[in-house]
Amino acid sequence: MLDLQVERIGHGTNAINDHKLLDYLTENRIPLEMCPMSNVRTGVVDSIFNHPIRACFDRGIVVSVNTDDPKMFDTSLEKEYRLLEQDCGFTKKEICKLILLGIESSWLQPENKKSLSDDFIGSSLWIS
């Protein structure tokens, strides 16, 4: 039995190669902080089309989208989400779900998470 004793995992791109680990991450709602643009530009993933974020998301793993180092990789959260929509097949509704997963996996206090999630869901950005 795995017992990682972690609150989240940075990047986590190689988790996709271990089904037992993926099951553990899913069951325990351990977030993967994924940085698609950084992972491609550093060669960790050979192309955005092969990035494991889609497979992890589809499997039900808590995934948050991050920028790693925005200046170094000439990116922003907006660019990351557009990349996922254009090249990884994420719908606008799924992008909204990714944003909510990011809030869920943050280190905000629970009441602040709820408030932020409620504000986002109530905004014109949310797609029902």
N, C-alpha and C. Protein backbone atom coordinates (compact mmCIF):
# COMPACT_ATOMS: atom_id res chain seq x y z
N MET A 1 0.84 -1.18 0.00
CA MET A 1 0.00 0.00 0.00
C MET A 1 0.88 1.24 0.00
N LEU A 2 0.53 2.18 -0.84
CA LEU A 2 1.24 3.45 -0.89
C LEU A 2 0.82 4.34 0.28
N ASP A 3 1.76 5.08 0.81
CA ASP A 3 1.47 6.10 1.81
C ASP A 3 2.48 7.22 1.59
N LEU A 4 2.12 8.13 0.68
CA LEU A 4 3.06 9.16 0.25
C LEU A 4 3.24 10.28 1.26
N GLN A 5 2.25 10.53 2.11
CA GLN A 5 2.30 11.61 3.10
C GLN A 5 2.66 12.95 2.47
N VAL A 6 1.95 13.27 1.40
CA VAL A 6 2.14 14.55 0.72
C VAL A 6 0.78 15.23 0.55
N GLU A 7 0.82 16.56 0.43
CA GLU A 7 -0.41 17.31 0.20
C GLU A 7 -0.66 17.55 -1.28
N ARG A 8 0.40 17.53 -2.07
CA ARG A 8 0.30 17.74 -3.51
C ARG A 8 1.64 17.33 -4.13
N ILE A 9 1.64 17.21 -5.47
CA ILE A 9 2.86 16.84 -6.19
C ILE A 9 3.08 17.85 -7.30
N GLY A 10 4.27 18.43 -7.31
CA GLY A 10 4.63 19.38 -8.36
C GLY A 10 4.93 18.64 -9.66
N HIS A 11 4.37 19.12 -10.73
CA HIS A 11 4.50 18.59 -12.08
C HIS A 11 3.82 17.23 -12.20
N GLY A 12 4.40 16.17 -11.71
CA GLY A 12 3.75 14.87 -11.71
C GLY A 12 3.57 14.24 -13.08
N THR A 13 4.36 14.67 -14.06
CA THR A 13 4.16 14.17 -15.42
C THR A 13 4.41 12.67 -15.55
N ASN A 14 5.30 12.12 -14.76
CA ASN A 14 5.60 10.69 -14.88
C ASN A 14 4.64 9.81 -14.10
N ALA A 15 3.75 10.39 -13.35
CA ALA A 15 2.76 9.60 -12.62
C ALA A 15 1.94 8.75 -13.57
N ILE A 16 1.78 9.23 -14.78
CA ILE A 16 0.96 8.53 -15.78
C ILE A 16 1.48 7.12 -16.07
N ASN A 17 2.74 6.86 -15.76
CA ASN A 17 3.35 5.56 -16.03
C ASN A 17 3.12 4.53 -14.93
N ASP A 18 2.43 4.91 -13.86
CA ASP A 18 2.24 4.00 -12.72
C ASP A 18 0.75 3.98 -12.34
N HIS A 19 0.06 2.95 -12.76
CA HIS A 19 -1.39 2.87 -12.54
C HIS A 19 -1.75 2.79 -11.06
N LYS A 20 -0.91 2.14 -10.28
CA LYS A 20 -1.15 2.07 -8.83
C LYS A 20 -1.06 3.47 -8.22
N LEU A 21 -0.09 4.24 -8.65
CA LEU A 21 0.05 5.61 -8.18
C LEU A 21 -1.13 6.46 -8.62
N LEU A 22 -1.57 6.31 -9.85
CA LEU A 22 -2.72 7.06 -10.33
C LEU A 22 -3.97 6.75 -9.50
N ASP A 23 -4.15 5.48 -9.18
CA ASP A 23 -5.28 5.08 -8.34
C ASP A 23 -5.18 5.77 -6.97
N TYR A 24 -3.98 5.77 -6.41
CA TYR A 24 -3.76 6.39 -5.10
C TYR A 24 -4.06 7.89 -5.15
N LEU A 25 -3.56 8.56 -6.19
CA LEU A 25 -3.79 10.00 -6.33
C LEU A 25 -5.28 10.30 -6.45
N THR A 26 -5.97 9.48 -7.22
CA THR A 26 -7.41 9.67 -7.42
C THR A 26 -8.17 9.44 -6.12
N GLU A 27 -7.92 8.32 -5.48
CA GLU A 27 -8.64 7.95 -4.26
C GLU A 27 -8.39 8.94 -3.13
N ASN A 28 -7.18 9.46 -3.03
CA ASN A 28 -6.81 10.34 -1.93
C ASN A 28 -6.89 11.82 -2.28
N ARG A 29 -7.32 12.11 -3.51
CA ARG A 29 -7.47 13.49 -3.99
C ARG A 29 -6.20 14.30 -3.77
N ILE A 30 -5.09 13.69 -4.11
CA ILE A 30 -3.80 14.38 -4.04
C ILE A 30 -3.59 15.10 -5.37
N PRO A 31 -3.49 16.42 -5.32
CA PRO A 31 -3.38 17.20 -6.55
C PRO A 31 -2.01 17.07 -7.24
N LEU A 32 -2.07 17.13 -8.55
CA LEU A 32 -0.87 17.29 -9.37
C LEU A 32 -0.86 18.73 -9.86
N GLU A 33 0.22 19.44 -9.58
CA GLU A 33 0.39 20.81 -10.07
C GLU A 33 1.10 20.70 -11.42
N MET A 34 0.36 20.83 -12.49
CA MET A 34 0.94 20.63 -13.81
C MET A 34 1.21 21.96 -14.51
N CYS A 35 2.33 22.00 -15.21
CA CYS A 35 2.80 23.19 -15.91
C CYS A 35 3.07 22.82 -17.36
N PRO A 36 2.03 22.75 -18.18
CA PRO A 36 2.18 22.23 -19.55
C PRO A 36 3.27 22.91 -20.38
N MET A 37 3.26 24.23 -20.46
CA MET A 37 4.24 24.93 -21.29
C MET A 37 5.66 24.66 -20.81
N SER A 38 5.88 24.75 -19.52
CA SER A 38 7.19 24.48 -18.94
C SER A 38 7.64 23.05 -19.25
N ASN A 39 6.72 22.10 -19.09
CA ASN A 39 7.06 20.70 -19.33
C ASN A 39 7.48 20.44 -20.77
N VAL A 40 6.85 21.13 -21.71
CA VAL A 40 7.23 20.99 -23.12
C VAL A 40 8.56 21.68 -23.38
N ARG A 41 8.70 22.89 -22.89
CA ARG A 41 9.92 23.67 -23.17
C ARG A 41 11.17 23.10 -22.51
N THR A 42 11.01 22.39 -21.42
CA THR A 42 12.17 21.76 -20.78
C THR A 42 12.41 20.34 -21.29
N GLY A 43 11.52 19.85 -22.15
CA GLY A 43 11.70 18.52 -22.73
C GLY A 43 11.20 17.38 -21.84
N VAL A 44 10.55 17.70 -20.74
CA VAL A 44 9.99 16.66 -19.88
C VAL A 44 8.89 15.91 -20.63
N VAL A 45 8.16 16.64 -21.46
CA VAL A 45 7.14 16.07 -22.34
C VAL A 45 7.51 16.49 -23.75
N ASP A 46 7.47 15.57 -24.70
CA ASP A 46 7.97 15.88 -26.05
C ASP A 46 7.09 16.83 -26.84
N SER A 47 5.79 16.90 -26.52
CA SER A 47 4.91 17.86 -27.19
C SER A 47 3.68 18.06 -26.33
N ILE A 48 3.00 19.16 -26.55
CA ILE A 48 1.79 19.43 -25.77
C ILE A 48 0.73 18.36 -26.04
N PHE A 49 0.75 17.80 -27.23
CA PHE A 49 -0.22 16.76 -27.59
C PHE A 49 -0.03 15.49 -26.76
N ASN A 50 1.18 15.29 -26.24
CA ASN A 50 1.48 14.11 -25.43
C ASN A 50 1.52 14.41 -23.94
N HIS A 51 1.13 15.61 -23.56
CA HIS A 51 1.16 15.96 -22.14
C HIS A 51 0.12 15.12 -21.39
N PRO A 52 0.47 14.60 -20.22
CA PRO A 52 -0.46 13.72 -19.49
C PRO A 52 -1.61 14.42 -18.77
N ILE A 53 -1.70 15.73 -18.86
CA ILE A 53 -2.76 16.43 -18.13
C ILE A 53 -4.16 15.97 -18.53
N ARG A 54 -4.36 15.72 -19.82
CA ARG A 54 -5.67 15.27 -20.29
C ARG A 54 -6.02 13.91 -19.68
N ALA A 55 -5.09 12.97 -19.71
CA ALA A 55 -5.34 11.63 -19.17
C ALA A 55 -5.57 11.68 -17.66
N CYS A 56 -4.82 12.51 -16.97
CA CYS A 56 -4.99 12.63 -15.52
C CYS A 56 -6.35 13.25 -15.20
N PHE A 57 -6.71 14.28 -15.92
CA PHE A 57 -8.01 14.93 -15.72
C PHE A 57 -9.14 13.94 -15.99
N ASP A 58 -9.05 13.22 -17.09
CA ASP A 58 -10.09 12.25 -17.45
C ASP A 58 -10.22 11.13 -16.43
N ARG A 59 -9.13 10.83 -15.77
CA ARG A 59 -9.12 9.77 -14.76
C ARG A 59 -9.72 10.24 -13.43
N GLY A 60 -9.91 11.54 -13.30
CA GLY A 60 -10.50 12.08 -12.08
C GLY A 60 -9.50 12.56 -11.05
N ILE A 61 -8.25 12.67 -11.45
CA ILE A 61 -7.22 13.19 -10.55
C ILE A 61 -7.40 14.70 -10.42
N VAL A 62 -7.18 15.21 -9.22
CA VAL A 62 -7.21 16.65 -9.01
C VAL A 62 -5.97 17.22 -9.68
N VAL A 63 -6.21 18.05 -10.70
CA VAL A 63 -5.12 18.65 -11.46
C VAL A 63 -5.26 20.16 -11.39
N SER A 64 -4.16 20.83 -11.10
CA SER A 64 -4.18 22.29 -11.19
C SER A 64 -3.21 22.71 -12.29
N VAL A 65 -3.57 23.77 -12.97
CA VAL A 65 -2.74 24.29 -14.06
C VAL A 65 -1.92 25.44 -13.51
N ASN A 66 -0.62 25.39 -13.77
CA ASN A 66 0.31 26.37 -13.24
C ASN A 66 1.26 26.84 -14.33
N THR A 67 1.99 27.92 -14.04
CA THR A 67 2.87 28.51 -15.05
C THR A 67 4.35 28.19 -14.83
N ASP A 68 4.71 27.64 -13.68
CA ASP A 68 6.10 27.35 -13.34
C ASP A 68 6.87 28.67 -13.21
N ASP A 69 7.49 29.13 -14.26
CA ASP A 69 8.23 30.40 -14.26
C ASP A 69 7.75 31.20 -15.47
N PRO A 70 6.75 32.07 -15.29
CA PRO A 70 6.12 32.76 -16.42
C PRO A 70 7.10 33.53 -17.31
N LYS A 71 8.06 34.21 -16.73
CA LYS A 71 9.02 34.98 -17.54
C LYS A 71 9.90 34.06 -18.37
N MET A 72 10.42 33.04 -17.74
CA MET A 72 11.33 32.12 -18.43
C MET A 72 10.63 31.39 -19.58
N PHE A 73 9.38 31.02 -19.36
CA PHE A 73 8.67 30.22 -20.36
C PHE A 73 7.67 31.03 -21.17
N ASP A 74 7.72 32.35 -21.02
CA ASP A 74 6.83 33.26 -21.75
C ASP A 74 5.39 32.74 -21.74
N THR A 75 4.86 32.59 -20.52
CA THR A 75 3.52 32.06 -20.38
C THR A 75 2.76 32.80 -19.30
N SER A 76 1.51 32.50 -19.22
CA SER A 76 0.60 33.01 -18.19
C SER A 76 -0.48 31.95 -18.02
N LEU A 77 -1.28 32.08 -17.00
CA LEU A 77 -2.38 31.12 -16.85
C LEU A 77 -3.31 31.18 -18.06
N GLU A 78 -3.54 32.38 -18.55
CA GLU A 78 -4.39 32.51 -19.74
C GLU A 78 -3.81 31.71 -20.91
N LYS A 79 -2.51 31.85 -21.15
CA LYS A 79 -1.87 31.10 -22.25
C LYS A 79 -1.93 29.60 -22.01
N GLU A 80 -1.74 29.20 -20.76
CA GLU A 80 -1.79 27.76 -20.43
C GLU A 80 -3.18 27.20 -20.74
N TYR A 81 -4.22 27.91 -20.30
CA TYR A 81 -5.58 27.43 -20.55
C TYR A 81 -5.92 27.43 -22.04
N ARG A 82 -5.47 28.44 -22.76
CA ARG A 82 -5.71 28.47 -24.22
C ARG A 82 -5.01 27.29 -24.91
N LEU A 83 -3.80 27.00 -24.48
CA LEU A 83 -3.04 25.88 -25.02
C LEU A 83 -3.80 24.57 -24.79
N LEU A 84 -4.32 24.41 -23.59
CA LEU A 84 -5.07 23.19 -23.27
C LEU A 84 -6.33 23.08 -24.11
N GLU A 85 -6.98 24.20 -24.34
CA GLU A 85 -8.19 24.19 -25.16
C GLU A 85 -7.86 23.91 -26.63
N GLN A 86 -6.86 24.59 -27.15
CA GLN A 86 -6.52 24.47 -28.57
C GLN A 86 -5.83 23.15 -28.92
N ASP A 87 -4.94 22.68 -28.05
CA ASP A 87 -4.10 21.54 -28.42
C ASP A 87 -4.37 20.24 -27.66
N CYS A 88 -5.12 20.33 -26.58
CA CYS A 88 -5.38 19.12 -25.79
C CYS A 88 -6.85 18.76 -25.72
N GLY A 89 -7.68 19.52 -26.43
CA GLY A 89 -9.08 19.18 -26.53
C GLY A 89 -9.94 19.50 -25.33
N PHE A 90 -9.46 20.34 -24.42
CA PHE A 90 -10.29 20.73 -23.29
C PHE A 90 -11.38 21.68 -23.76
N THR A 91 -12.58 21.45 -23.30
CA THR A 91 -13.69 22.35 -23.60
C THR A 91 -13.66 23.52 -22.62
N LYS A 92 -14.43 24.53 -22.90
CA LYS A 92 -14.52 25.67 -21.98
C LYS A 92 -15.05 25.22 -20.62
N LYS A 93 -16.00 24.32 -20.62
CA LYS A 93 -16.53 23.79 -19.36
C LYS A 93 -15.44 23.04 -18.59
N GLU A 94 -14.61 22.28 -19.29
CA GLU A 94 -13.52 21.57 -18.62
C GLU A 94 -12.46 22.54 -18.09
N ILE A 95 -12.21 23.62 -18.83
CA ILE A 95 -11.27 24.64 -18.35
C ILE A 95 -11.81 25.23 -17.05
N CYS A 96 -13.10 25.49 -17.00
CA CYS A 96 -13.71 25.99 -15.77
C CYS A 96 -13.53 24.98 -14.63
N LYS A 97 -13.68 23.71 -14.92
CA LYS A 97 -13.47 22.67 -13.91
C LYS A 97 -12.01 22.68 -13.45
N LEU A 98 -11.07 22.87 -14.37
CA LEU A 98 -9.65 22.96 -13.98
C LEU A 98 -9.42 24.15 -13.04
N ILE A 99 -10.07 25.26 -13.32
CA ILE A 99 -9.94 26.43 -12.45
C ILE A 99 -10.47 26.10 -11.05
N LEU A 100 -11.61 25.43 -10.99
CA LEU A 100 -12.17 25.04 -9.70
C LEU A 100 -11.28 24.03 -8.97
N LEU A 101 -10.66 23.13 -9.73
CA LEU A 101 -9.71 22.19 -9.11
C LEU A 101 -8.50 22.92 -8.56
N GLY A 102 -8.07 23.98 -9.25
CA GLY A 102 -6.97 24.79 -8.76
C GLY A 102 -7.33 25.46 -7.43
N ILE A 103 -8.55 25.94 -7.33
CA ILE A 103 -9.01 26.54 -6.07
C ILE A 103 -9.05 25.47 -4.98
N GLU A 104 -9.61 24.32 -5.33
CA GLU A 104 -9.71 23.22 -4.36
C GLU A 104 -8.34 22.81 -3.83
N SER A 105 -7.35 22.78 -4.70
CA SER A 105 -6.03 22.28 -4.30
C SER A 105 -5.12 23.37 -3.72
N SER A 106 -5.64 24.59 -3.63
CA SER A 106 -4.83 25.68 -3.07
C SER A 106 -4.71 25.52 -1.55
N TRP A 107 -3.81 26.30 -0.99
CA TRP A 107 -3.64 26.28 0.46
C TRP A 107 -4.46 27.38 1.15
N LEU A 108 -5.49 27.85 0.47
CA LEU A 108 -6.40 28.80 1.10
C LEU A 108 -7.16 28.11 2.23
N GLN A 109 -7.62 28.89 3.16
CA GLN A 109 -8.48 28.36 4.22
C GLN A 109 -9.78 27.88 3.58
N PRO A 110 -10.41 26.84 4.14
CA PRO A 110 -11.63 26.29 3.54
C PRO A 110 -12.71 27.34 3.24
N GLU A 111 -12.92 28.28 4.15
CA GLU A 111 -13.95 29.29 3.90
C GLU A 111 -13.57 30.20 2.73
N ASN A 112 -12.28 30.45 2.55
CA ASN A 112 -11.82 31.26 1.41
C ASN A 112 -11.94 30.49 0.10
N LYS A 113 -11.69 29.19 0.14
CA LYS A 113 -11.87 28.35 -1.04
C LYS A 113 -13.33 28.38 -1.48
N LYS A 114 -14.22 28.22 -0.50
CA LYS A 114 -15.65 28.21 -0.81
C LYS A 114 -16.07 29.55 -1.40
N SER A 115 -15.62 30.62 -0.80
CA SER A 115 -15.99 31.96 -1.27
C SER A 115 -15.48 32.19 -2.70
N LEU A 116 -14.23 31.82 -2.94
CA LEU A 116 -13.66 32.00 -4.27
C LEU A 116 -14.37 31.13 -5.31
N SER A 117 -14.64 29.88 -4.94
CA SER A 117 -15.36 28.97 -5.86
C SER A 117 -16.76 29.50 -6.14
N ASP A 118 -17.45 29.95 -5.10
CA ASP A 118 -18.81 30.50 -5.27
C ASP A 118 -18.78 31.72 -6.18
N ASP A 119 -17.79 32.60 -5.97
CA ASP A 119 -17.65 33.80 -6.81
C ASP A 119 -17.41 33.41 -8.26
N PHE A 120 -16.55 32.41 -8.47
CA PHE A 120 -16.24 31.98 -9.83
C PHE A 120 -17.47 31.37 -10.50
N ILE A 121 -18.14 30.49 -9.78
CA ILE A 121 -19.34 29.84 -10.33
C ILE A 121 -20.42 30.88 -10.63
N GLY A 122 -20.52 31.90 -9.79
CA GLY A 122 -21.52 32.94 -9.99
C GLY A 122 -21.15 33.96 -11.05
N SER A 123 -19.90 33.93 -11.50
CA SER A 123 -19.45 34.91 -12.49
C SER A 123 -19.91 34.53 -13.88
N SER A 124 -19.74 35.45 -14.79
CA SER A 124 -20.10 35.21 -16.19
C SER A 124 -19.13 34.24 -16.86
N LEU A 125 -18.00 33.91 -16.18
CA LEU A 125 -17.03 33.00 -16.77
C LEU A 125 -17.51 31.55 -16.72
N TRP A 126 -18.30 31.23 -15.71
CA TRP A 126 -18.72 29.84 -15.53
C TRP A 126 -19.66 29.43 -16.64
N ILE A 127 -19.41 28.25 -17.15
CA ILE A 127 -20.26 27.70 -18.20
C ILE A 127 -20.98 26.50 -17.62
N SER A 128 -22.28 26.57 -17.57
CA SER A 128 -23.04 25.47 -16.95
C SER A 128 -23.37 24.40 -17.97
